[in-house]
Amino acid sequence: MRVLFAASEIFPYAKTGGLADVASSLPLALQKYVQIFRVMPLYGFMHEEEYVFYDDFTVSLDAKHYPVKIFTKEDKGIVTYFVKAPHLSQTHNLYTDEHGDYKNNALRFGIFCMAIIELSIRLNCQLIHLNDWHTALVALFIQEYQLRIKTVFTIHNLAYQGIFEQSVLETLGIPSKYFTMDALEFYSKVNFLKAGIACSDVMTTVSPTYAQEIVTKEFGCGLEGFLQKHREKLVGILNGIDETVFRPLQSKKVKRQAKTEFCSRFGFEDSKLPLFIMVSRLTEQKGIDLLLESFAELQNKKLNLFILGEGEAKYTKALKEFAKKHRNFSFVQDFDEELSHQAYLASDFLLMPSRFEPCGLNQFIAMNCGSIAVVHEVGGLKDSVHEHTTACGQGISYKEQNKKEFLYAVDRALSLYTEKEKMQKIIDFNLACDFSFAASAKKYFKIYKSLL
């Protein structure tokens, strides 16, 4: 079985979030079962000379022709293909700049989708695994051209849908018959994500609970009715991590030393206090507003708090002001992969007060580093962090998204920190768990087999 795994970002080549990590890790686990290739754009910030030229061809949209060059690179036994094309490869970021979303994103990723199909044909792939709205039009084009290629479409975050003006249909040469509620139409605009939902053979999302949530009004982002219509082909499969990148903690001594050095580096006066960290995009989705609302109470507790992330200006401004005033709080405004690894290793507790969380990877990384996750019981966090059962992934969770419940969860963490033996048992239990993609890969392979 030959499978092409298509995503707009793949770590370590380009990354804005968890999609890149999954697009790196899941194919590595799947290569045990199938012959798998990856494909992503060659963005303007990437250096063409670092990749090997493979092929070139032309794709057509609305009778306009766009020259495409394909480059390759092999890593850990998997070949990744990189698509260089007009518009797609002329930006210095993936999707946005300081002015917001690139205005030609519909064309950029429309070209990418056509290139994915042409590449899959040249590679003789029987199935394409699509990820998020950037690749969703592949499923529609395959249906329109009646190609004998199966598609699996994974939704990583329903909040990002690829919504554009109706005029993009003409730009992309998409027949007007698709501008209906049963296909692309979404409040008089065009919704690329709907193409993946409507036209794919199987649709998955990144945790069982999130699959249940997105068909409800609270979490459906306006697509709950459409998802309910296609619910029979919706499957929730929990993500994992690449344990060769996020290696399990080797010893308590390593963790103690990491914490001491980390606290010294970031100016925490008492390294014996519990160290809480938050590594996150600073958005309302991630619950940063709830943390800020709770800040006065947190500062009165005996703890150190470190936050690493980038995001909305109103949040970064507030965090910087808090950091100036409080010695037991440190904030780094950055997206720093290496520093995040150091923070996980040094920490005692990870905070994830997300309003919604399709899966989340931070909790797996933290538990692999001997840290305990404190999470809002939602989406993939509900599936992976358990306070009242004996399932793998022991931690602290709270149900209601409010300050009272969040602070009570923090208090439970502080109480646990005083019970050293109990806390170490939880850490050791989690370190013995398998947070890799091994189990998930088996489930994806089962889906692949069912289609071919």
Protein backbone atom coordinates (compact mmCIF):
# COMPACT_ATOMS: atom_id res chain seq x y z
CA MET A 1 0.00 0.00 0.00
CA ARG A 2 1.40 3.39 -1.06
CA VAL A 3 0.18 6.43 0.89
CA LEU A 4 0.89 10.14 0.45
CA PHE A 5 0.59 12.14 3.68
CA ALA A 6 -0.14 15.79 2.86
CA ALA A 7 0.17 18.71 5.28
CA SER A 8 0.90 22.42 5.14
CA GLU A 9 3.63 22.08 7.77
CA ILE A 10 5.94 19.28 8.89
CA PHE A 11 8.50 19.46 11.67
CA PRO A 12 11.43 20.24 11.44
CA TYR A 13 10.98 21.98 8.07
CA ALA A 14 8.15 24.36 9.02
CA LYS A 15 6.05 24.64 12.15
CA THR A 16 3.42 26.92 13.69
CA GLY A 17 1.72 24.34 15.92
CA GLY A 18 0.91 20.73 16.70
CA LEU A 19 0.00 19.86 13.10
CA ALA A 20 3.71 19.95 12.20
CA ASP A 21 4.58 17.55 15.01
CA VAL A 22 1.84 15.11 14.03
CA ALA A 23 2.80 15.31 10.35
CA SER A 24 6.31 14.36 11.40
CA SER A 25 5.53 11.65 13.94
CA LEU A 26 2.48 9.81 12.60
CA PRO A 27 4.04 8.83 9.24
CA LEU A 28 7.09 7.51 11.13
CA ALA A 29 4.80 5.16 13.05
CA LEU A 30 2.83 4.26 9.91
CA GLN A 31 5.87 3.20 7.90
CA LYS A 32 5.74 -0.09 9.81
CA TYR A 33 2.54 -0.90 7.93
CA VAL A 34 2.59 1.00 4.61
CA GLN A 35 4.93 2.60 2.14
CA ILE A 36 4.37 6.23 3.04
CA PHE A 37 5.58 9.56 1.64
CA ARG A 38 5.04 13.10 2.90
CA VAL A 39 4.39 16.30 0.98
CA MET A 40 4.35 19.96 2.05
CA PRO A 41 4.97 23.38 0.47
CA LEU A 42 8.45 24.79 -0.07
CA TYR A 43 7.95 28.19 1.57
CA GLY A 44 9.95 31.34 0.85
CA PHE A 45 11.93 31.12 4.09
CA MET A 46 13.17 27.61 3.22
CA HIS A 47 16.46 27.19 1.37
CA GLU A 48 15.96 25.37 -1.93
CA GLU A 49 19.62 24.31 -2.09
CA GLU A 50 19.11 22.09 0.98
CA TYR A 51 16.78 19.81 -0.99
CA VAL A 52 17.21 17.53 -4.01
CA PHE A 53 15.36 18.32 -7.24
CA TYR A 54 12.97 15.49 -8.14
CA ASP A 55 10.55 16.50 -10.90
CA ASP A 56 8.63 19.35 -12.49
CA PHE A 57 5.21 19.65 -14.08
CA THR A 58 2.38 22.13 -14.62
CA VAL A 59 -0.97 22.32 -12.85
CA SER A 60 -3.99 24.15 -14.22
CA LEU A 61 -6.71 26.09 -12.44
CA ASP A 62 -9.38 27.96 -14.44
CA ALA A 63 -7.34 27.47 -17.63
CA LYS A 64 -4.34 29.17 -16.04
CA HIS A 65 -1.13 27.19 -15.84
CA TYR A 66 1.25 27.18 -12.89
CA PRO A 67 4.72 25.62 -13.13
CA VAL A 68 5.57 23.34 -10.22
CA LYS A 69 8.94 22.01 -9.11
CA ILE A 70 9.23 19.14 -6.67
CA PHE A 71 12.18 18.72 -4.32
CA THR A 72 12.87 15.90 -1.87
CA LYS A 73 14.63 15.09 1.35
CA GLU A 74 14.85 11.78 3.20
CA ASP A 75 14.87 11.58 6.98
CA LYS A 76 14.43 8.55 9.24
CA GLY A 77 13.55 6.39 6.25
CA ILE A 78 10.75 8.62 4.92
CA VAL A 79 10.97 10.77 1.81
CA THR A 80 9.33 14.18 2.09
CA TYR A 81 8.39 16.01 -1.12
CA PHE A 82 8.39 19.81 -1.23
CA VAL A 83 6.19 21.75 -3.64
CA LYS A 84 7.65 24.93 -5.12
CA ALA A 85 5.09 26.92 -7.07
CA PRO A 86 4.10 30.52 -7.87
CA HIS A 87 2.30 32.28 -5.01
CA LEU A 88 2.65 29.27 -2.71
CA SER A 89 6.41 29.63 -2.30
CA GLN A 90 6.77 33.38 -2.44
CA THR A 91 5.85 34.16 1.16
CA HIS A 92 8.20 34.37 4.12
CA ASN A 93 5.66 32.87 6.51
CA LEU A 94 3.20 30.03 6.18
CA TYR A 95 -0.19 31.70 6.31
CA THR A 96 0.05 35.27 7.62
CA ASP A 97 2.18 38.36 7.99
CA GLU A 98 1.88 41.47 10.17
CA HIS A 99 -1.23 42.50 8.19
CA GLY A 100 -3.08 39.20 8.76
CA ASP A 101 -3.83 36.27 6.47
CA TYR A 102 -2.21 36.39 3.03
CA LYS A 103 -4.89 37.61 0.63
CA ASN A 104 -4.04 34.92 -1.94
CA ASN A 105 -4.17 31.95 0.47
CA ALA A 106 -7.03 30.37 -1.50
CA LEU A 107 -4.95 30.35 -4.68
CA ARG A 108 -1.76 29.34 -2.85
CA PHE A 109 -3.28 26.25 -1.34
CA GLY A 110 -5.44 25.52 -4.37
CA ILE A 111 -2.21 25.17 -6.36
CA PHE A 112 -0.77 23.05 -3.56
CA CYS A 113 -3.80 20.72 -3.69
CA MET A 114 -3.49 20.22 -7.44
CA ALA A 115 0.23 19.53 -7.03
CA ILE A 116 -0.56 16.92 -4.35
CA ILE A 117 -2.83 15.06 -6.77
CA GLU A 118 -0.30 15.14 -9.62
CA LEU A 119 2.47 13.96 -7.30
CA SER A 120 0.32 11.14 -5.95
CA ILE A 121 -0.33 9.92 -9.49
CA ARG A 122 3.39 9.99 -10.32
CA LEU A 123 4.16 8.10 -7.11
CA ASN A 124 1.37 5.60 -7.84
CA CYS A 125 -0.25 6.22 -4.45
CA GLN A 126 -3.58 4.56 -3.76
CA LEU A 127 -4.52 6.78 -0.83
CA ILE A 128 -3.88 10.38 0.23
CA HIS A 129 -4.06 11.32 3.90
CA LEU A 130 -5.13 14.97 4.04
CA ASN A 131 -4.73 17.31 7.00
CA ASP A 132 -6.77 20.46 7.69
CA TRP A 133 -8.23 22.98 5.26
CA HIS A 134 -4.98 23.63 3.37
CA THR A 135 -5.26 20.19 1.73
CA ALA A 136 -9.06 19.72 1.79
CA LEU A 137 -9.66 20.64 -1.87
CA VAL A 138 -7.75 17.49 -2.87
CA ALA A 139 -10.81 15.44 -1.90
CA LEU A 140 -13.09 17.67 -4.01
CA PHE A 141 -10.79 17.61 -7.06
CA ILE A 142 -10.50 13.82 -6.85
CA GLN A 143 -14.30 13.57 -6.80
CA GLU A 144 -14.71 16.07 -9.65
CA TYR A 145 -12.15 14.34 -11.88
CA GLN A 146 -13.34 10.86 -10.88
CA LEU A 147 -9.88 9.70 -9.92
CA ARG A 148 -9.38 6.28 -8.35
CA ILE A 149 -7.60 7.55 -5.24
CA LYS A 150 -9.01 7.17 -1.74
CA THR A 151 -8.81 9.98 0.81
CA VAL A 152 -8.67 10.22 4.59
CA PHE A 153 -9.19 13.74 5.93
CA THR A 154 -8.03 14.68 9.43
CA ILE A 155 -9.33 17.76 11.25
CA HIS A 156 -6.71 18.98 13.71
CA ASN A 157 -8.55 22.11 14.83
CA LEU A 158 -12.06 22.92 13.63
CA ALA A 159 -11.59 26.60 14.46
CA TYR A 160 -9.42 27.00 11.34
CA GLN A 161 -11.58 26.42 8.26
CA GLY A 162 -10.15 28.33 5.28
CA ILE A 163 -13.01 30.72 4.56
CA PHE A 164 -12.87 32.92 1.44
CA GLU A 165 -15.04 35.05 -0.81
CA GLN A 166 -17.18 33.33 -3.44
CA SER A 167 -14.95 34.73 -6.21
CA VAL A 168 -12.24 32.18 -5.39
CA LEU A 169 -14.36 29.50 -7.08
CA GLU A 170 -13.69 31.09 -10.46
CA THR A 171 -10.01 31.64 -9.60
CA LEU A 172 -9.64 27.94 -8.82
CA GLY A 173 -11.85 26.69 -11.64
CA ILE A 174 -14.26 25.02 -9.23
CA PRO A 175 -17.72 24.50 -10.81
CA SER A 176 -20.56 26.52 -9.30
CA LYS A 177 -22.43 23.28 -8.53
CA TYR A 178 -20.19 23.02 -5.44
CA PHE A 179 -21.43 26.33 -4.05
CA THR A 180 -24.23 24.78 -2.02
CA MET A 181 -24.85 24.09 1.66
CA ASP A 182 -24.05 20.43 0.95
CA ALA A 183 -20.58 21.34 -0.31
CA LEU A 184 -18.54 24.56 -0.03
CA GLU A 185 -21.09 27.29 0.76
CA PHE A 186 -20.85 28.76 4.26
CA TYR A 187 -22.86 31.90 5.00
CA SER A 188 -22.42 33.14 1.41
CA LYS A 189 -18.69 32.41 1.47
CA VAL A 190 -16.52 29.44 0.45
CA ASN A 191 -15.33 27.08 3.18
CA PHE A 192 -12.41 24.83 2.17
CA LEU A 193 -12.74 22.61 5.25
CA LYS A 194 -16.22 21.60 4.12
CA ALA A 195 -14.65 20.10 0.98
CA GLY A 196 -12.69 17.67 3.13
CA ILE A 197 -15.72 16.82 5.25
CA ALA A 198 -18.06 16.31 2.28
CA CYS A 199 -15.76 14.67 -0.26
CA SER A 200 -13.32 12.50 1.70
CA ASP A 201 -13.90 8.77 2.13
CA VAL A 202 -13.18 8.81 5.86
CA MET A 203 -12.87 11.77 8.21
CA THR A 204 -10.89 11.63 11.43
CA THR A 205 -10.07 13.99 14.23
CA VAL A 206 -7.36 13.86 16.83
CA SER A 207 -9.13 12.47 19.90
CA PRO A 208 -12.30 10.47 20.61
CA THR A 209 -13.79 13.18 22.83
CA TYR A 210 -13.17 15.93 20.27
CA ALA A 211 -14.98 13.80 17.67
CA GLN A 212 -18.01 13.83 19.98
CA GLU A 213 -17.66 17.53 20.79
CA ILE A 214 -17.49 18.94 17.26
CA VAL A 215 -20.99 17.72 16.38
CA THR A 216 -22.36 19.96 19.16
CA LYS A 217 -23.18 23.66 18.98
CA GLU A 218 -20.66 24.51 21.74
CA PHE A 219 -17.67 23.13 19.84
CA GLY A 220 -18.90 22.88 16.24
CA CYS A 221 -17.71 26.34 15.10
CA GLY A 222 -20.82 26.69 12.92
CA LEU A 223 -20.29 23.31 11.22
CA GLU A 224 -21.99 21.09 13.80
CA GLY A 225 -25.00 20.37 11.56
CA PHE A 226 -22.80 19.59 8.56
CA LEU A 227 -20.62 17.31 10.69
CA GLN A 228 -23.68 15.55 12.07
CA LYS A 229 -24.72 14.82 8.49
CA HIS A 230 -21.36 13.15 7.84
CA ARG A 231 -21.01 11.63 11.30
CA GLU A 232 -21.01 8.02 10.07
CA LYS A 233 -17.56 8.47 8.54
CA LEU A 234 -16.12 10.43 11.51
CA VAL A 235 -13.58 8.67 13.75
CA GLY A 236 -11.66 10.07 16.71
CA ILE A 237 -8.09 8.78 17.13
CA LEU A 238 -5.90 10.12 19.92
CA ASN A 239 -2.61 11.71 18.87
CA GLY A 240 0.75 10.81 20.36
CA ILE A 241 4.33 12.07 20.28
CA ASP A 242 7.61 10.96 18.76
CA GLU A 243 9.45 9.53 21.73
CA THR A 244 12.76 9.73 19.86
CA VAL A 245 12.33 13.53 19.99
CA PHE A 246 10.60 13.78 23.37
CA ARG A 247 12.52 11.10 25.23
CA PRO A 248 11.24 9.81 28.59
CA LEU A 249 13.00 11.14 31.70
CA GLN A 250 16.10 9.10 32.55
CA SER A 251 16.49 9.81 36.27
CA LYS A 252 15.30 11.93 39.20
CA LYS A 253 18.81 13.38 39.45
CA VAL A 254 18.60 14.73 35.90
CA LYS A 255 15.28 16.40 36.67
CA ARG A 256 16.48 17.97 39.94
CA GLN A 257 19.55 19.41 38.22
CA ALA A 258 17.48 20.71 35.31
CA LYS A 259 15.08 22.45 37.68
CA THR A 260 17.86 24.06 39.73
CA GLU A 261 19.59 25.40 36.63
CA PHE A 262 16.33 26.58 35.08
CA CYS A 263 15.22 28.44 38.21
CA SER A 264 18.60 30.13 38.47
CA ARG A 265 18.52 31.15 34.81
CA PHE A 266 15.08 32.77 35.07
CA GLY A 267 15.55 34.44 38.43
CA PHE A 268 13.42 32.28 40.68
CA GLU A 269 14.80 32.76 44.20
CA ASP A 270 13.61 29.48 45.71
CA SER A 271 14.03 26.46 43.44
CA LYS A 272 12.43 24.23 46.07
CA LEU A 273 9.02 25.72 45.34
CA PRO A 274 6.92 23.80 42.81
CA LEU A 275 7.59 25.01 39.27
CA PHE A 276 4.48 25.41 37.10
CA ILE A 277 4.93 26.07 33.40
CA MET A 278 2.70 26.95 30.47
CA VAL A 279 4.02 26.48 26.92
CA SER A 280 1.38 27.73 24.56
CA ARG A 281 0.04 30.06 21.94
CA LEU A 282 -1.29 33.00 23.92
CA THR A 283 -4.90 32.96 22.78
CA GLU A 284 -8.31 32.67 24.40
CA GLN A 285 -8.55 29.07 23.16
CA LYS A 286 -5.59 28.15 25.35
CA GLY A 287 -7.17 29.71 28.45
CA ILE A 288 -4.57 32.45 28.90
CA ASP A 289 -7.40 34.84 29.81
CA LEU A 290 -8.40 32.55 32.69
CA LEU A 291 -4.82 32.40 33.92
CA LEU A 292 -4.54 36.20 33.86
CA GLU A 293 -7.85 36.48 35.68
CA SER A 294 -6.42 34.17 38.36
CA PHE A 295 -3.02 35.84 38.57
CA ALA A 296 -3.49 37.70 41.85
CA GLU A 297 -4.45 34.49 43.62
CA LEU A 298 -1.61 32.54 42.00
CA GLN A 299 0.96 35.08 43.16
CA ASN A 300 -0.15 34.58 46.76
CA LYS A 301 0.57 30.86 46.55
CA LYS A 302 3.97 29.32 47.18
CA LEU A 303 4.94 28.47 43.63
CA ASN A 304 7.06 29.57 40.68
CA LEU A 305 5.40 30.14 37.31
CA PHE A 306 7.09 30.24 33.88
CA ILE A 307 5.23 30.98 30.65
CA LEU A 308 6.65 30.56 27.14
CA GLY A 309 4.72 31.58 24.06
CA GLU A 310 3.65 34.10 21.46
CA GLY A 311 0.19 35.43 20.75
CA GLU A 312 -2.20 38.33 21.04
CA ALA A 313 -0.69 41.66 22.04
CA LYS A 314 -3.12 42.26 24.90
CA TYR A 315 -1.96 39.04 26.57
CA THR A 316 1.77 39.52 26.00
CA LYS A 317 1.54 43.07 27.35
CA ALA A 318 -0.19 41.91 30.53
CA LEU A 319 2.29 39.07 31.06
CA LYS A 320 5.26 41.40 30.64
CA GLU A 321 3.82 43.76 33.25
CA PHE A 322 3.27 40.90 35.70
CA ALA A 323 6.81 39.66 35.14
CA LYS A 324 8.23 43.08 36.08
CA LYS A 325 6.32 43.13 39.37
CA HIS A 326 6.65 39.55 40.62
CA ARG A 327 9.85 37.66 41.38
CA ASN A 328 8.19 34.24 41.21
CA PHE A 329 6.91 34.74 37.66
CA SER A 330 8.87 34.74 34.40
CA PHE A 331 7.60 35.21 30.86
CA VAL A 332 9.44 34.63 27.58
CA GLN A 333 7.66 35.90 24.47
CA ASP A 334 8.96 33.49 21.90
CA PHE A 335 8.33 30.24 20.05
CA ASP A 336 11.50 28.41 21.08
CA GLU A 337 11.56 24.65 20.60
CA GLU A 338 14.75 24.07 22.60
CA LEU A 339 13.66 26.27 25.51
CA SER A 340 10.32 24.49 25.65
CA HIS A 341 12.12 21.16 26.06
CA GLN A 342 14.18 22.63 28.90
CA ALA A 343 11.03 23.97 30.58
CA TYR A 344 9.26 20.60 30.40
CA LEU A 345 12.25 18.85 31.94
CA ALA A 346 12.59 21.40 34.75
CA SER A 347 8.91 21.66 35.62
CA ASP A 348 6.87 19.94 38.31
CA PHE A 349 3.49 20.83 36.79
CA LEU A 350 2.20 21.82 33.36
CA LEU A 351 -0.82 24.13 33.10
CA MET A 352 -3.26 23.57 30.22
CA PRO A 353 -6.44 25.54 30.98
CA SER A 354 -7.66 25.32 27.36
CA ARG A 355 -11.24 26.31 26.57
CA PHE A 356 -11.18 23.60 23.90
CA GLU A 357 -8.36 21.28 22.90
CA PRO A 358 -8.68 18.89 19.94
CA CYS A 359 -5.88 16.78 21.39
CA GLY A 360 -2.89 18.68 22.70
CA LEU A 361 0.63 17.29 22.73
CA ASN A 362 2.08 19.25 25.64
CA GLN A 363 0.55 16.95 28.23
CA PHE A 364 2.28 13.92 26.69
CA ILE A 365 5.61 15.70 26.54
CA ALA A 366 5.29 16.88 30.15
CA MET A 367 4.40 13.43 31.46
CA ASN A 368 7.33 11.95 29.55
CA CYS A 369 9.54 14.49 31.33
CA GLY A 370 8.32 13.56 34.80
CA SER A 371 5.95 16.51 35.11
CA ILE A 372 2.27 16.34 36.07
CA ALA A 373 -0.36 17.95 33.85
CA VAL A 374 -3.09 20.19 35.28
CA VAL A 375 -5.76 20.42 32.58
CA HIS A 376 -9.29 21.44 31.74
CA GLU A 377 -11.25 18.24 31.14
CA VAL A 378 -12.04 18.82 27.49
CA GLY A 379 -11.24 17.24 24.11
CA GLY A 380 -8.04 15.25 23.98
CA LEU A 381 -7.11 16.41 27.47
CA LYS A 382 -10.07 14.45 28.82
CA ASP A 383 -8.84 11.38 26.91
CA SER A 384 -5.22 11.61 28.05
CA VAL A 385 -5.08 13.08 31.59
CA HIS A 386 -6.94 11.25 34.34
CA GLU A 387 -7.37 12.20 37.98
CA HIS A 388 -9.99 9.72 39.12
CA THR A 389 -9.23 6.57 37.12
CA THR A 390 -6.25 4.24 36.80
CA ALA A 391 -5.82 4.82 33.06
CA CYS A 392 -2.46 5.80 31.62
CA GLY A 393 -1.75 9.50 32.01
CA GLN A 394 -2.33 10.36 35.67
CA GLY A 395 -2.72 14.04 36.48
CA ILE A 396 -5.11 16.72 37.70
CA SER A 397 -8.20 17.84 35.79
CA TYR A 398 -11.14 20.16 36.35
CA LYS A 399 -14.52 20.23 34.58
CA GLU A 400 -15.85 23.79 34.66
CA GLN A 401 -13.87 26.54 32.92
CA ASN A 402 -13.88 29.17 35.64
CA LYS A 403 -11.43 30.72 38.09
CA LYS A 404 -12.74 28.83 41.11
CA GLU A 405 -12.33 25.40 39.50
CA PHE A 406 -8.96 26.27 37.98
CA LEU A 407 -7.51 27.53 41.27
CA TYR A 408 -8.87 24.50 43.10
CA ALA A 409 -6.99 22.30 40.60
CA VAL A 410 -3.80 24.30 41.29
CA ASP A 411 -4.37 23.82 45.03
CA ARG A 412 -4.65 20.05 44.51
CA ALA A 413 -1.34 20.18 42.66
CA LEU A 414 0.28 22.10 45.52
CA SER A 415 -1.07 19.58 48.02
CA LEU A 416 0.28 16.71 45.92
CA TYR A 417 3.70 18.38 45.83
CA THR A 418 3.91 18.03 49.63
CA GLU A 419 3.22 14.28 49.36
CA LYS A 420 6.53 13.35 47.75
CA GLU A 421 6.02 9.60 47.72
CA LYS A 422 2.54 9.80 46.20
CA MET A 423 3.69 12.28 43.57
CA GLN A 424 6.68 10.13 42.62
CA LYS A 425 4.41 7.10 42.17
CA ILE A 426 2.32 9.08 39.69
CA ILE A 427 5.42 10.25 37.85
CA ASP A 428 6.83 6.72 37.66
CA PHE A 429 3.46 5.37 36.49
CA ASN A 430 3.31 7.93 33.67
CA LEU A 431 6.90 7.25 32.64
CA ALA A 432 5.94 3.61 32.12
CA CYS A 433 3.09 4.63 29.77
CA ASP A 434 3.36 4.61 26.00
CA PHE A 435 2.52 8.08 24.67
CA SER A 436 3.85 7.34 21.19
CA PHE A 437 1.86 7.04 17.96
CA ALA A 438 2.14 3.22 18.01
CA ALA A 439 -1.48 2.55 18.99
CA SER A 440 -2.84 5.37 16.80
CA ALA A 441 -0.92 4.14 13.75
CA LYS A 442 -2.61 0.73 14.03
CA LYS A 443 -6.01 2.44 13.99
CA TYR A 444 -5.13 4.56 10.95
CA PHE A 445 -3.81 1.49 9.13
CA LYS A 446 -7.09 -0.29 9.83
CA ILE A 447 -8.92 2.62 8.19
CA TYR A 448 -6.55 2.57 5.21
CA LYS A 449 -7.13 -1.16 4.72
CA SER A 450 -10.90 -0.72 4.87
CA LEU A 451 -10.74 1.66 1.90
CA LEU A 452 -8.53 -0.41 -0.41
